[in-house]
C-alpha atoms as a PDB file:
ATOM      1  CA  MET A   1      -0.189   0.070   0.098  1.00  0.00           C
ATOM      2  CA  LEU A   2       1.451   3.415  -0.962  1.00  0.00           C
ATOM      3  CA  LYS A   3       1.876   6.038   1.710  1.00  0.00           C
ATOM      4  CA  THR A   4      -0.611   8.810   0.947  1.00  0.00           C
ATOM      5  CA  ILE A   5       0.575  12.329   0.202  1.00  0.00           C
ATOM      6  CA  PRO A   6      -1.542  15.500  -0.013  1.00  0.00           C
ATOM      7  CA  PRO A   7      -3.240  15.319  -3.405  1.00  0.00           C
ATOM      8  CA  MET A   8      -2.141  17.613  -6.281  1.00  0.00           C
ATOM      9  CA  ILE A   9      -4.203  20.667  -6.749  1.00  0.00           C
ATOM     10  CA  ASP A  10      -3.534  23.383  -9.226  1.00  0.00           C
ATOM     11  CA  PRO A  11      -3.726  27.126  -8.822  1.00  0.00           C
ATOM     12  CA  PHE A  12      -7.074  27.022 -10.200  1.00  0.00           C
ATOM     13  CA  GLY A  13      -8.519  24.274  -7.812  1.00  0.00           C
ATOM     14  CA  ARG A  14      -8.521  21.483 -10.188  1.00  0.00           C
ATOM     15  CA  ARG A  15      -7.429  18.000  -8.541  1.00  0.00           C
ATOM     16  CA  ILE A  16      -4.611  16.108 -10.807  1.00  0.00           C
ATOM     17  CA  THR A  17      -5.791  12.401 -11.095  1.00  0.00           C
ATOM     18  CA  TYR A  18      -4.790  11.486 -14.403  1.00  0.00           C
ATOM     19  CA  LEU A  19      -1.287  11.042 -15.641  1.00  0.00           C
ATOM     20  CA  ARG A  20      -0.383  10.289 -19.300  1.00  0.00           C
ATOM     21  CA  VAL A  21       3.128   8.834 -19.724  1.00  0.00           C
ATOM     22  CA  SER A  22       4.960   8.417 -22.836  1.00  0.00           C
ATOM     23  CA  VAL A  23       7.113   5.292 -22.999  1.00  0.00           C
ATOM     24  CA  THR A  24       8.700   6.183 -26.385  1.00  0.00           C
ATOM     25  CA  ASP A  25       8.659   8.983 -29.012  1.00  0.00           C
ATOM     26  CA  ARG A  26       9.157   6.157 -31.749  1.00  0.00           C
ATOM     27  CA  CYS A  27       6.490   4.946 -33.986  1.00  0.00           C
ATOM     28  CA  ASP A  28       5.804   2.390 -36.705  1.00  0.00           C
ATOM     29  CA  PHE A  29       3.277   4.623 -38.616  1.00  0.00           C
ATOM     30  CA  ARG A  30       3.831   8.365 -39.652  1.00  0.00           C
ATOM     31  CA  CYS A  31       0.360   9.653 -39.524  1.00  0.00           C
ATOM     32  CA  VAL A  32      -0.035  12.878 -41.761  1.00  0.00           C
ATOM     33  CA  TYR A  33      -1.472  15.059 -38.608  1.00  0.00           C
ATOM     34  CA  CYS A  34       0.935  13.724 -36.155  1.00  0.00           C
ATOM     35  CA  MET A  35       4.553  13.752 -37.307  1.00  0.00           C
ATOM     36  CA  ALA A  36       6.727  14.252 -40.512  1.00  0.00           C
ATOM     37  CA  GLU A  37       7.455  11.273 -42.628  1.00  0.00           C
ATOM     38  CA  SER A  38      11.059  11.315 -41.833  1.00  0.00           C
ATOM     39  CA  PRO A  39      11.141  12.298 -38.118  1.00  0.00           C
ATOM     40  CA  THR A  40      14.337  12.585 -36.004  1.00  0.00           C
ATOM     41  CA  PHE A  41      13.676  10.335 -32.981  1.00  0.00           C
ATOM     42  CA  LEU A  42      15.648  10.593 -29.638  1.00  0.00           C
ATOM     43  CA  PRO A  43      18.959   8.807 -28.753  1.00  0.00           C
ATOM     44  CA  ARG A  44      17.890   5.935 -26.573  1.00  0.00           C
ATOM     45  CA  LYS A  45      20.229   7.053 -23.969  1.00  0.00           C
ATOM     46  CA  ASP A  46      17.812  10.152 -23.356  1.00  0.00           C
ATOM     47  CA  LEU A  47      14.995   7.892 -22.444  1.00  0.00           C
ATOM     48  CA  LEU A  48      13.863   7.183 -18.901  1.00  0.00           C
ATOM     49  CA  THR A  49      14.580   3.264 -18.129  1.00  0.00           C
ATOM     50  CA  LEU A  50      11.481   1.462 -17.576  1.00  0.00           C
ATOM     51  CA  GLU A  51      12.339   1.055 -14.007  1.00  0.00           C
ATOM     52  CA  GLU A  52      12.394   5.011 -13.793  1.00  0.00           C
ATOM     53  CA  ILE A  53       8.969   5.267 -15.407  1.00  0.00           C
ATOM     54  CA  ASP A  54       7.620   2.759 -12.866  1.00  0.00           C
ATOM     55  CA  ARG A  55       9.209   4.856 -10.040  1.00  0.00           C
ATOM     56  CA  LEU A  56       8.018   8.151 -11.461  1.00  0.00           C
ATOM     57  CA  ALA A  57       4.380   6.858 -12.104  1.00  0.00           C
ATOM     58  CA  SER A  58       4.265   5.483  -8.530  1.00  0.00           C
ATOM     59  CA  ALA A  59       5.329   8.781  -7.304  1.00  0.00           C
ATOM     60  CA  PHE A  60       2.297  10.337  -8.940  1.00  0.00           C
ATOM     61  CA  ILE A  61       0.023   7.631  -7.890  1.00  0.00           C
ATOM     62  CA  ALA A  62       1.235   8.202  -4.006  1.00  0.00           C
ATOM     63  CA  LYS A  63       0.288  11.799  -4.618  1.00  0.00           C
ATOM     64  CA  GLY A  64      -3.387  11.087  -6.011  1.00  0.00           C
ATOM     65  CA  VAL A  65      -3.221  10.069  -9.348  1.00  0.00           C
ATOM     66  CA  ARG A  66      -6.000   7.489 -10.137  1.00  0.00           C
ATOM     67  CA  LYS A  67      -5.748   6.818 -13.883  1.00  0.00           C
ATOM     68  CA  VAL A  68      -2.417   6.047 -15.551  1.00  0.00           C
ATOM     69  CA  ARG A  69      -2.344   5.998 -19.538  1.00  0.00           C
ATOM     70  CA  LEU A  70       0.757   4.844 -21.500  1.00  0.00           C
ATOM     71  CA  THR A  71       1.132   6.317 -24.646  1.00  0.00           C
ATOM     72  CA  GLY A  72       4.221   6.835 -27.228  1.00  0.00           C
ATOM     73  CA  GLY A  73       4.850   7.347 -30.095  1.00  0.00           C
ATOM     74  CA  GLU A  74       3.436   3.903 -30.201  1.00  0.00           C
ATOM     75  CA  PRO A  75       4.021   2.376 -26.854  1.00  0.00           C
ATOM     76  CA  LEU A  76       4.084  -1.247 -28.032  1.00  0.00           C
ATOM     77  CA  VAL A  77       7.204  -0.980 -29.779  1.00  0.00           C
ATOM     78  CA  ARG A  78       9.029  -0.133 -26.633  1.00  0.00           C
ATOM     79  CA  LYS A  79      11.092  -3.353 -25.542  1.00  0.00           C
ATOM     80  CA  ASN A  80       9.914  -5.009 -22.379  1.00  0.00           C
ATOM     81  CA  LEU A  81       6.785  -2.857 -22.093  1.00  0.00           C
ATOM     82  CA  ILE A  82       4.842  -5.648 -20.514  1.00  0.00           C
ATOM     83  CA  TRP A  83       7.299  -5.876 -17.647  1.00  0.00           C
ATOM     84  CA  LEU A  84       6.543  -2.131 -16.702  1.00  0.00           C
ATOM     85  CA  ILE A  85       2.716  -2.850 -17.089  1.00  0.00           C
ATOM     86  CA  LYS A  86       2.921  -5.890 -14.681  1.00  0.00           C
ATOM     87  CA  SER A  87       4.942  -3.695 -12.343  1.00  0.00           C
ATOM     88  CA  LEU A  88       2.632  -0.741 -12.336  1.00  0.00           C
ATOM     89  CA  SER A  89      -0.469  -2.928 -12.104  1.00  0.00           C
ATOM     90  CA  ARG A  90       0.521  -3.652  -8.346  1.00  0.00           C
ATOM     91  CA  HIS A  91      -1.096  -0.312  -7.500  1.00  0.00           C
ATOM     92  CA  LEU A  92      -4.430  -1.260  -9.061  1.00  0.00           C
ATOM     93  CA  GLY A  93      -7.045  -1.149  -5.961  1.00  0.00           C
ATOM     94  CA  ALA A  94      -4.342   0.177  -3.977  1.00  0.00           C
ATOM     95  CA  GLY A  95      -4.780   3.933  -5.196  1.00  0.00           C
ATOM     96  CA  LEU A  96      -4.959   3.384  -8.853  1.00  0.00           C
ATOM     97  CA  ASP A  97      -8.292   2.810 -10.303  1.00  0.00           C
ATOM     98  CA  GLU A  98      -7.006   1.997 -14.010  1.00  0.00           C
ATOM     99  CA  LEU A  99      -4.029   1.313 -16.022  1.00  0.00           C
ATOM    100  CA  THR A 100      -4.368   1.710 -19.643  1.00  0.00           C
ATOM    101  CA  LEU A 101      -2.882   2.482 -23.060  1.00  0.00           C
ATOM    102  CA  THR A 102      -3.155   4.032 -26.471  1.00  0.00           C
ATOM    103  CA  THR A 103      -2.149   2.271 -29.326  1.00  0.00           C
ATOM    104  CA  ASN A 104      -2.307   2.440 -33.238  1.00  0.00           C
ATOM    105  CA  GLY A 105      -3.226  -1.516 -33.073  1.00  0.00           C
ATOM    106  CA  SER A 106      -0.070  -2.344 -35.180  1.00  0.00           C
ATOM    107  CA  GLN A 107       1.307  -4.667 -32.416  1.00  0.00           C
ATOM    108  CA  LEU A 108      -1.892  -5.885 -30.977  1.00  0.00           C
ATOM    109  CA  ALA A 109      -2.088  -9.275 -32.628  1.00  0.00           C
ATOM    110  CA  SER A 110       1.094 -10.428 -30.568  1.00  0.00           C
ATOM    111  CA  TYR A 111       0.392  -8.244 -27.238  1.00  0.00           C
ATOM    112  CA  ALA A 112      -3.306  -8.486 -26.667  1.00  0.00           C
ATOM    113  CA  GLY A 113      -3.155 -11.572 -24.390  1.00  0.00           C
ATOM    114  CA  PRO A 114      -0.080 -10.359 -22.281  1.00  0.00           C
ATOM    115  CA  LEU A 115      -1.731  -7.029 -21.840  1.00  0.00           C
ATOM    116  CA  ALA A 116      -4.986  -8.591 -20.603  1.00  0.00           C
ATOM    117  CA  ASN A 117      -3.171 -10.767 -18.320  1.00  0.00           C
ATOM    118  CA  SER A 118      -0.905  -7.843 -17.015  1.00  0.00           C
ATOM    119  CA  GLY A 119      -3.698  -5.393 -15.936  1.00  0.00           C
ATOM    120  CA  ILE A 120      -4.698  -3.817 -18.914  1.00  0.00           C
ATOM    121  CA  ALA A 121      -8.749  -3.940 -19.017  1.00  0.00           C
ATOM    122  CA  ARG A 122      -9.442  -1.193 -21.373  1.00  0.00           C
ATOM    123  CA  ILE A 123      -7.425   0.315 -24.443  1.00  0.00           C
ATOM    124  CA  ASN A 124      -7.735   3.126 -26.984  1.00  0.00           C
ATOM    125  CA  VAL A 125      -7.059   2.229 -30.522  1.00  0.00           C
ATOM    126  CA  SER A 126      -6.226   4.967 -33.054  1.00  0.00           C
ATOM    127  CA  LEU A 127      -8.232   4.417 -36.319  1.00  0.00           C
ATOM    128  CA  ASP A 128      -9.395   6.911 -38.670  1.00  0.00           C
ATOM    129  CA  THR A 129     -10.703   4.898 -41.562  1.00  0.00           C
ATOM    130  CA  LEU A 130     -12.417   1.506 -42.774  1.00  0.00           C
ATOM    131  CA  ASP A 131     -10.894   2.087 -46.097  1.00  0.00           C
ATOM    132  CA  ALA A 132      -7.543  -0.089 -46.605  1.00  0.00           C
ATOM    133  CA  ALA A 133      -5.945   2.479 -49.156  1.00  0.00           C
ATOM    134  CA  LYS A 134      -6.970   5.680 -47.156  1.00  0.00           C
ATOM    135  CA  PHE A 135      -5.564   3.997 -44.048  1.00  0.00           C
ATOM    136  CA  LYS A 136      -2.365   3.561 -45.866  1.00  0.00           C
ATOM    137  CA  THR A 137      -2.272   7.445 -47.157  1.00  0.00           C
ATOM    138  CA  ILE A 138      -3.231   8.833 -43.693  1.00  0.00           C
ATOM    139  CA  THR A 139      -0.590   6.573 -41.931  1.00  0.00           C
ATOM    140  CA  ARG A 140       1.945   6.436 -44.576  1.00  0.00           C
ATOM    141  CA  TRP A 141       3.254   3.142 -43.195  1.00  0.00           C
ATOM    142  CA  GLY A 142       0.487   1.519 -41.654  1.00  0.00           C
ATOM    143  CA  ASP A 143      -0.940  -2.085 -42.612  1.00  0.00           C
ATOM    144  CA  PHE A 144      -4.925  -1.884 -42.182  1.00  0.00           C
ATOM    145  CA  THR A 145      -5.010  -5.718 -42.086  1.00  0.00           C
ATOM    146  CA  GLN A 146      -2.466  -5.972 -39.387  1.00  0.00           C
ATOM    147  CA  VAL A 147      -4.386  -3.439 -37.236  1.00  0.00           C
ATOM    148  CA  MET A 148      -7.827  -5.065 -37.799  1.00  0.00           C
ATOM    149  CA  ALA A 149      -6.408  -8.437 -36.922  1.00  0.00           C
ATOM    150  CA  GLY A 150      -4.908  -6.777 -33.487  1.00  0.00           C
ATOM    151  CA  ILE A 151      -8.333  -5.300 -32.817  1.00  0.00           C
ATOM    152  CA  ASP A 152     -10.022  -8.678 -33.228  1.00  0.00           C
ATOM    153  CA  GLU A 153      -7.293 -10.467 -30.933  1.00  0.00           C
ATOM    154  CA  ALA A 154      -7.864  -7.607 -28.343  1.00  0.00           C
ATOM    155  CA  ASP A 155     -11.492  -8.098 -28.268  1.00  0.00           C
ATOM    156  CA  ARG A 156     -11.176 -11.787 -27.982  1.00  0.00           C
ATOM    157  CA  ALA A 157      -8.721 -11.222 -25.068  1.00  0.00           C
ATOM    158  CA  GLY A 158     -11.404  -9.402 -23.236  1.00  0.00           C
ATOM    159  CA  ILE A 159      -9.996  -6.013 -23.397  1.00  0.00           C
ATOM    160  CA  LYS A 160     -12.699  -3.315 -23.533  1.00  0.00           C
ATOM    161  CA  ILE A 161     -11.898  -1.074 -26.806  1.00  0.00           C
ATOM    162  CA  LYS A 162     -12.422   2.478 -27.835  1.00  0.00           C
ATOM    163  CA  ILE A 163     -11.801   3.613 -30.962  1.00  0.00           C
ATOM    164  CA  ASN A 164     -10.220   7.028 -31.442  1.00  0.00           C
ATOM    165  CA  THR A 165     -10.935   8.760 -34.729  1.00  0.00           C
ATOM    166  CA  VAL A 166      -9.191  12.229 -35.951  1.00  0.00           C
ATOM    167  CA  ALA A 167     -11.766  13.854 -37.989  1.00  0.00           C
ATOM    168  CA  LEU A 168     -10.247  15.290 -41.169  1.00  0.00           C
ATOM    169  CA  ARG A 169     -11.749  17.399 -43.709  1.00  0.00           C
ATOM    170  CA  GLY A 170     -12.010  15.804 -47.066  1.00  0.00           C
ATOM    171  CA  VAL A 171     -10.384  12.519 -46.043  1.00  0.00           C
ATOM    172  CA  ASN A 172     -12.617  10.751 -43.770  1.00  0.00           C
ATOM    173  CA  GLU A 173     -15.527  12.912 -42.918  1.00  0.00           C
ATOM    174  CA  ASP A 174     -17.738  11.005 -45.246  1.00  0.00           C
ATOM    175  CA  GLU A 175     -16.875   7.896 -43.277  1.00  0.00           C
ATOM    176  CA  ILE A 176     -17.821   8.964 -39.943  1.00  0.00           C
ATOM    177  CA  GLU A 177     -21.234   7.600 -39.899  1.00  0.00           C
ATOM    178  CA  ALA A 178     -20.018   4.130 -41.154  1.00  0.00           C
ATOM    179  CA  LEU A 179     -17.305   4.372 -38.312  1.00  0.00           C
ATOM    180  CA  LEU A 180     -20.011   4.960 -35.916  1.00  0.00           C
ATOM    181  CA  ARG A 181     -22.058   2.060 -36.948  1.00  0.00           C
ATOM    182  CA  TRP A 182     -18.973  -0.250 -37.290  1.00  0.00           C
ATOM    183  CA  THR A 183     -17.637   0.502 -33.810  1.00  0.00           C
ATOM    184  CA  HIS A 184     -21.085   0.185 -32.055  1.00  0.00           C
ATOM    185  CA  GLY A 185     -21.857  -2.944 -33.896  1.00  0.00           C
ATOM    186  CA  ARG A 186     -18.835  -4.507 -32.394  1.00  0.00           C
ATOM    187  CA  GLY A 187     -19.557  -3.203 -28.829  1.00  0.00           C
ATOM    188  CA  PHE A 188     -16.873  -0.451 -29.094  1.00  0.00           C
ATOM    189  CA  ASP A 189     -17.175   3.063 -28.010  1.00  0.00           C
ATOM    190  CA  LEU A 190     -15.924   5.931 -30.554  1.00  0.00           C
ATOM    191  CA  THR A 191     -14.479   8.995 -29.706  1.00  0.00           C
ATOM    192  CA  LEU A 192     -13.972  11.873 -32.450  1.00  0.00           C
ATOM    193  CA  ILE A 193     -11.056  14.162 -32.067  1.00  0.00           C
ATOM    194  CA  GLU A 194     -10.267  17.514 -33.765  1.00  0.00           C
ATOM    195  CA  THR A 195      -6.981  17.918 -35.339  1.00  0.00           C
ATOM    196  CA  MET A 196      -4.617  19.854 -33.263  1.00  0.00           C
ATOM    197  CA  PRO A 197      -1.772  22.398 -34.438  1.00  0.00           C
ATOM    198  CA  MET A 198       1.203  20.753 -32.868  1.00  0.00           C
ATOM    199  CA  GLY A 199       4.635  20.456 -34.642  1.00  0.00           C
ATOM    200  CA  GLU A 200       5.617  20.234 -38.228  1.00  0.00           C
ATOM    201  CA  THR A 201       4.170  17.116 -40.031  1.00  0.00           C
ATOM    202  CA  GLY A 202       4.775  17.960 -43.645  1.00  0.00           C
ATOM    203  CA  SER A 203       1.082  19.157 -44.294  1.00  0.00           C
ATOM    204  CA  ASP A 204      -1.228  22.270 -43.656  1.00  0.00           C
ATOM    205  CA  ARG A 205      -3.511  21.115 -40.910  1.00  0.00           C
ATOM    206  CA  THR A 206      -5.909  24.143 -41.843  1.00  0.00           C
ATOM    207  CA  GLU A 207      -6.620  21.736 -44.832  1.00  0.00           C
ATOM    208  CA  GLN A 208      -7.423  18.746 -42.479  1.00  0.00           C
ATOM    209  CA  TYR A 209      -9.268  20.858 -39.574  1.00  0.00           C
ATOM    210  CA  LEU A 210     -12.948  19.770 -39.369  1.00  0.00           C
ATOM    211  CA  PRO A 211     -14.909  21.260 -36.357  1.00  0.00           C
ATOM    212  CA  LEU A 212     -16.650  18.521 -34.588  1.00  0.00           C
ATOM    213  CA  SER A 213     -19.781  21.075 -34.124  1.00  0.00           C
ATOM    214  CA  LEU A 214     -20.154  20.392 -37.929  1.00  0.00           C
ATOM    215  CA  VAL A 215     -19.724  16.845 -37.373  1.00  0.00           C
ATOM    216  CA  ARG A 216     -22.247  16.501 -34.703  1.00  0.00           C
ATOM    217  CA  ALA A 217     -24.885  18.607 -36.353  1.00  0.00           C
ATOM    218  CA  ARG A 218     -24.678  16.219 -39.514  1.00  0.00           C
ATOM    219  CA  LEU A 219     -25.084  13.257 -37.206  1.00  0.00           C
ATOM    220  CA  GLN A 220     -28.175  14.617 -35.557  1.00  0.00           C
ATOM    221  CA  ASP A 221     -29.719  14.675 -38.790  1.00  0.00           C
ATOM    222  CA  ARG A 222     -29.441  10.579 -38.820  1.00  0.00           C
ATOM    223  CA  PHE A 223     -29.261   9.796 -35.209  1.00  0.00           C
ATOM    224  CA  THR A 224     -30.509  10.795 -31.840  1.00  0.00           C
ATOM    225  CA  LEU A 225     -27.867  11.893 -29.685  1.00  0.00           C
ATOM    226  CA  GLU A 226     -28.569  11.721 -26.078  1.00  0.00           C
ATOM    227  CA  GLU A 227     -26.483  13.765 -23.465  1.00  0.00           C
ATOM    228  CA  SER A 228     -24.453  11.251 -21.064  1.00  0.00           C
ATOM    229  CA  PRO A 229     -23.034  11.667 -17.804  1.00  0.00           C
ATOM    230  CA  HIS A 230     -20.300   9.074 -18.568  1.00  0.00           C
ATOM    231  CA  ARG A 231     -16.740  10.574 -17.979  1.00  0.00           C
ATOM    232  CA  SER A 232     -13.564   8.578 -18.903  1.00  0.00           C
ATOM    233  CA  GLY A 233     -11.302  10.547 -16.717  1.00  0.00           C
ATOM    234  CA  GLY A 234     -10.171  12.572 -19.946  1.00  0.00           C
ATOM    235  CA  PRO A 235     -11.551  15.510 -22.011  1.00  0.00           C
ATOM    236  CA  ALA A 236     -14.062  13.677 -24.040  1.00  0.00           C
ATOM    237  CA  ARG A 237     -17.671  14.548 -23.530  1.00  0.00           C
ATOM    238  CA  TYR A 238     -20.040  11.804 -24.591  1.00  0.00           C
ATOM    239  CA  VAL A 239     -23.705  11.297 -25.920  1.00  0.00           C
ATOM    240  CA  GLN A 240     -25.666   8.080 -26.076  1.00  0.00           C
ATOM    241  CA  VAL A 241     -26.672   7.129 -29.683  1.00  0.00           C
ATOM    242  CA  ARG A 242     -30.187   5.825 -29.489  1.00  0.00           C
ATOM    243  CA  GLU A 243     -30.379   3.916 -32.570  1.00  0.00           C
ATOM    244  CA  THR A 244     -27.365   2.102 -31.878  1.00  0.00           C
ATOM    245  CA  GLY A 245     -27.133   2.005 -28.354  1.00  0.00           C
ATOM    246  CA  GLY A 246     -23.615   2.768 -28.086  1.00  0.00           C
ATOM    247  CA  ARG A 247     -21.382   5.776 -26.846  1.00  0.00           C
ATOM    248  CA  LEU A 248     -20.193   8.479 -28.678  1.00  0.00           C
ATOM    249  CA  GLY A 249     -17.398  11.080 -27.498  1.00  0.00           C
ATOM    250  CA  PHE A 250     -16.247  14.315 -28.810  1.00  0.00           C
ATOM    251  CA  ILE A 251     -12.631  15.813 -28.188  1.00  0.00           C
ATOM    252  CA  THR A 252     -12.895  19.361 -29.065  1.00  0.00           C
ATOM    253  CA  PRO A 253      -9.905  21.472 -28.225  1.00  0.00           C
ATOM    254  CA  LEU A 254     -10.464  24.110 -30.970  1.00  0.00           C
ATOM    255  CA  THR A 255     -14.401  24.477 -31.260  1.00  0.00           C
ATOM    256  CA  HIS A 256     -14.974  23.897 -27.269  1.00  0.00           C
ATOM    257  CA  ASN A 257     -12.261  24.335 -25.018  1.00  0.00           C
ATOM    258  CA  PHE A 258     -11.885  21.420 -22.447  1.00  0.00           C
ATOM    259  CA  CYS A 259      -9.316  23.350 -20.021  1.00  0.00           C
ATOM    260  CA  GLU A 260     -12.022  24.229 -17.223  1.00  0.00           C
ATOM    261  CA  ALA A 261     -12.028  20.790 -15.927  1.00  0.00           C
ATOM    262  CA  CYS A 262      -8.574  19.571 -16.593  1.00  0.00           C
ATOM    263  CA  ASN A 263      -7.440  17.061 -14.373  1.00  0.00           C
ATOM    264  CA  ARG A 264      -4.389  15.676 -16.081  1.00  0.00           C
ATOM    265  CA  VAL A 265      -0.572  16.021 -16.859  1.00  0.00           C
ATOM    266  CA  ARG A 266       1.863  14.453 -19.224  1.00  0.00           C
ATOM    267  CA  VAL A 267       5.192  13.143 -18.870  1.00  0.00           C
ATOM    268  CA  THR A 268       7.520  12.379 -21.904  1.00  0.00           C
ATOM    269  CA  CYS A 269       9.500   9.546 -22.196  1.00  0.00           C
ATOM    270  CA  THR A 270      12.557  11.739 -21.298  1.00  0.00           C
ATOM    271  CA  GLY A 271      11.110  12.774 -17.849  1.00  0.00           C
ATOM    272  CA  THR A 272       9.593  16.234 -19.217  1.00  0.00           C
ATOM    273  CA  LEU A 273       6.377  16.997 -17.315  1.00  0.00           C
ATOM    274  CA  TYR A 274       4.156  19.090 -19.355  1.00  0.00           C
ATOM    275  CA  MET A 275       1.251  20.620 -17.251  1.00  0.00           C
ATOM    276  CA  CYS A 276      -0.765  21.564 -20.324  1.00  0.00           C
ATOM    277  CA  LEU A 277      -1.071  20.006 -23.692  1.00  0.00           C
ATOM    278  CA  GLY A 278      -1.126  23.289 -25.488  1.00  0.00           C
ATOM    279  CA  GLN A 279       1.446  25.257 -23.407  1.00  0.00           C
ATOM    280  CA  GLU A 280       5.297  25.099 -23.498  1.00  0.00           C
ATOM    281  CA  ASP A 281       5.233  24.984 -19.653  1.00  0.00           C
ATOM    282  CA  ALA A 282       7.321  22.167 -18.513  1.00  0.00           C
ATOM    283  CA  ALA A 283       9.374  20.598 -15.711  1.00  0.00           C
ATOM    284  CA  ASP A 284      12.368  18.384 -15.610  1.00  0.00           C
ATOM    285  CA  LEU A 285      11.782  15.348 -13.596  1.00  0.00           C
ATOM    286  CA  ARG A 286      14.717  13.273 -14.930  1.00  0.00           C
ATOM    287  CA  ALA A 287      17.207  15.172 -13.004  1.00  0.00           C
ATOM    288  CA  PRO A 288      15.842  14.880  -9.492  1.00  0.00           C
ATOM    289  CA  LEU A 289      14.720  11.311 -10.218  1.00  0.00           C
ATOM    290  CA  ARG A 290      18.420  10.614 -10.670  1.00  0.00           C
ATOM    291  CA  ALA A 291      19.847  12.723  -8.293  1.00  0.00           C
ATOM    292  CA  SER A 292      18.534  10.747  -5.152  1.00  0.00           C
ATOM    293  CA  GLU A 293      17.224   7.149  -4.496  1.00  0.00           C
ATOM    294  CA  SER A 294      14.841   9.001  -2.344  1.00  0.00           C
ATOM    295  CA  ASP A 295      11.505  10.570  -4.000  1.00  0.00           C
ATOM    296  CA  HIS A 296      12.046  13.924  -1.724  1.00  0.00           C
ATOM    297  CA  LEU A 297      13.660  15.819  -4.868  1.00  0.00           C
ATOM    298  CA  LEU A 298      11.164  14.234  -7.083  1.00  0.00           C
ATOM    299  CA  ASN A 299       8.042  15.132  -4.990  1.00  0.00           C
ATOM    300  CA  ALA A 300       9.363  18.693  -4.522  1.00  0.00           C
ATOM    301  CA  ALA A 301       9.595  18.977  -8.382  1.00  0.00           C
ATOM    302  CA  ILE A 302       6.429  17.638  -8.986  1.00  0.00           C
ATOM    303  CA  ASP A 303       4.581  19.912  -6.459  1.00  0.00           C
ATOM    304  CA  ALA A 304       6.407  22.988  -8.023  1.00  0.00           C
ATOM    305  CA  ALA A 305       5.308  22.046 -11.469  1.00  0.00           C
ATOM    306  CA  ILE A 306       1.469  21.440 -10.265  1.00  0.00           C
ATOM    307  CA  ALA A 307       1.603  24.990  -8.641  1.00  0.00           C
ATOM    308  CA  ALA A 308       2.451  26.497 -11.995  1.00  0.00           C
ATOM    309  CA  LYS A 309      -0.042  24.728 -14.077  1.00  0.00           C
ATOM    310  CA  PRO A 310      -1.780  26.983 -16.608  1.00  0.00           C
ATOM    311  CA  LYS A 311      -5.291  27.470 -16.965  1.00  0.00           C
ATOM    312  CA  GLY A 312      -5.803  26.319 -20.325  1.00  0.00           C
ATOM    313  CA  HIS A 313      -4.244  26.027 -23.914  1.00  0.00           C
ATOM    314  CA  ASP A 314      -4.126  28.613 -26.669  1.00  0.00           C
ATOM    315  CA  PHE A 315      -4.534  26.460 -29.553  1.00  0.00           C
ATOM    316  CA  VAL A 316      -5.145  28.508 -32.702  1.00  0.00           C
ATOM    317  CA  ILE A 317      -5.415  26.954 -36.305  1.00  0.00           C
ATOM    318  CA  GLU A 318      -4.822  29.522 -38.975  1.00  0.00           C
ATOM    319  CA  ARG A 319      -4.464  28.904 -42.847  1.00  0.00           C
ATOM    320  CA  GLY A 320      -0.805  29.114 -43.631  1.00  0.00           C
ATOM    321  CA  GLY A 321       0.088  29.915 -40.217  1.00  0.00           C
ATOM    322  CA  LYS A 322       2.774  27.942 -38.069  1.00  0.00           C
ATOM    323  CA  PRO A 323       1.786  25.211 -35.436  1.00  0.00           C
ATOM    324  CA  THR A 324       0.850  26.684 -32.150  1.00  0.00           C
ATOM    325  CA  LEU A 325       3.476  24.620 -30.773  1.00  0.00           C
ATOM    326  CA  SER A 326       6.689  23.299 -32.197  1.00  0.00           C
ATOM    327  CA  ARG A 327       6.746  20.022 -30.463  1.00  0.00           C
ATOM    328  CA  THR A 328       4.684  16.921 -32.183  1.00  0.00           C
ATOM    329  CA  MET A 329       2.133  15.104 -30.483  1.00  0.00           C
ATOM    330  CA  SER A 330       4.405  12.000 -30.620  1.00  0.00           C
ATOM    331  CA  THR A 331       6.873  13.750 -28.442  1.00  0.00           C
ATOM    332  CA  THR A 332       4.420  14.999 -26.160  1.00  0.00           C
ATOM    333  CA  GLY A 333       2.792  11.560 -25.735  1.00  0.00           C
ATOM    334  CA  GLY A 334      -0.358  11.458 -27.862  1.00  0.00           C
END
C-alpha cells in the first residue's frame, strides 16, 4: 500500500488525478496529422528506463493520481513494456483505479493476451478510416489488415476497446457514420477528435481541420444523440446514440475548449512534465529522479510544477500559419 501524500491541486482548484506517460517517441506509423515522414527520434540514452518510469508513475499515484495511461509514439514498440505494465499493476486497487494505454493497433495481435494478463482491461485504438487504401495514405506506413487483426485479438482477449478517430476534412468526413455504425456494432465506443496544431508534419492542417460542431450537427440529422453523464477521466464529452445503443465521445480542443475541468498532466519519455498539452510550460523530472534514491527531490519538483499549471491551452489554427507548438504530439505523448 502506498503512503498517502496530500493530493495535487493546481492554482485553479483542479485536482490532478490522471497521468499520461509516454514510454517512447518512436512509432511504426507516420500519420499525416501527427509527425513528418522522416522524423528525428531521440537517442535511446535520453529515454527514461522502464524502472525509472515505474518509479515516477508510482510517485504520482502516491500523490493522488487514479488513472495512468501509457502512450508513445507507439507504446508497444518499447522493448519489455509488459514488464512495466505488470509492475505498475501492483497499484490497481491500492490507489490506482485504471491502467490503460493508447495504441495504433499495429502490435496488438501479438500483445493482446499479455496486456490482458498484465492488468490492462481497456485500451484506446487510433483508427481514422475503414478503407485500406485511405488508411495507408493517412498513416503512410500502416497495414490496415494487421491493425484489424490486432483489434480482433484484443476483443477476444476480453479487453474493452474504444476507437479514437481524428476527424479530417476531405479525408474521412464522409466515413464518420460508417465508423459509428461499425464501432457500435462491435460493442466498441467511438471518440472523435479535432486535429491539433502541434509540430511540423509536412502538411497544412488548416486543410485537414474539421470542426466537430459541424460533425455533430450532421450526425444529428441521422441519429438521436442523448447527453450522457459518462466520463472516462479525460477531455471527451459523451452522448448516447439511441439507434445504435453505443457511446460517442467528442474531444474538441478548438471548437469547445475543455480546460475548465482539466485533471491531467503528461510526462514524456525523457522525463519532461508538461502541465498543459497546449502550452510550453514544462518541468524536468529526470534530474531529480536520478539525483537521489529517495523521492524527496522528485516530489518537490512535481509539487512546484503543479503549482505552475496554466489555466488552459491557446490552440489557434490559421491558414498558412505555423503550428501553435513546435513539439509534435508523438513527442508530447499523444
